[in-house]
Structures are given as structure tokens and as C-alpha cells.
Amino acid sequence: MLSINEAAVPGVNSLKTQELADLIAMSASTLVAEREGRPAGFVLCLNETADYDSRNFLWLKQKFERFFYVDRIAVSPDARGLGLGEKLYEALIAKIGPEGAKAGAPLTCEVNERPPNPGSLRFHKRLGFLEVGQQDLGDKAVVYLAHELYPALAAAAENA
């Protein structure tokens, strides 16, 4: 997983082995896609209860009472273009399930605008993510995105 992460820099930030292990330990869900018996991609998702000092996570924590946060999704260079990213998101949404989404907790992430990551922005928008904010962090700028996991459930909860 570490080599997949490092191959995705600067779309995701670089990590040391212990940093990745710490993120996995605090994650609500970490899913790994395999290809020919080897890891080919992964998605690492936290929820609002994580003790995480990421500027992006803290921004989302101020905006949403409950949320799921994709800290990173990465696919190995030799597996890109095979639909693994979309399959990882489908599996993550299925794992969160309707029970996890009943309170209207969105699935959130951020995408770099500086340095630009237009491919990731197109990918997330194609999957139904919508912009919920922006932030210039000095060394980088990001756009925050959110996806309603189960819109019908959120609407039913509001009308109950």
C-alpha cells in the first residue's frame, strides 16, 4: 500500500510506513483492491470520531456533525484506467451501508487545486460528488467535495 501511495504523490501526500499504519488503525474502513494476487489500489476512510489533526479533516469536522472522510484513494500506475477507483468507492459505500448513512452523513474528500489534480476532480464529480467548499492552505489549495450516500434515506429522515 505504501508504494501505491507514493506513486500517487502529489495527488495524495507522501507517507512514512508508521504514518500509513496509524491512519489504517484509526480508519473506519480501509479497503484494498487486488489484481493478480497483489494490491493494486486502496481507499482509506475515517469518520468524524477519528483523532486526526489533518487540516482538511478539521475543516470538514467544523462543517459536518457526522461524515465519512476519504483521506486517500490511490491506484497503482499499472492498474489505472481499469475502473478500480470506482469499484473501491462502490465497495466503501456498500460497507458504510444504509445504517451508516441514515443520519445524512455524507461521504467527503478533498482534491488539490494547487498543485492541480484535474483528473481526480473529474473522477469524483462523475461519481456524484459536489463541491461544498474551498480553502487556500498556503502551500496548497483544495476543493472539498461531498456525496450523499443514500439520498432517499436522508430525505425520509428529514420528513420523519
Foldseek 3Di string as FASTA:
>chain_A
DLVQQVQCPPFADHDDPVVVVVQQVQFPDKDFDDDPRHTFKIWTKHKLVGPDDDPVSVVVVVVDVIAIEGNDIGGHPVCPPVCVSVVNVVVVLVVCNCVVCLCQHWYKYKGWPVVHDVVVVVVVVVVPWDWDAKDQPPNTIITMTTHRSDVVSNVVSVVD
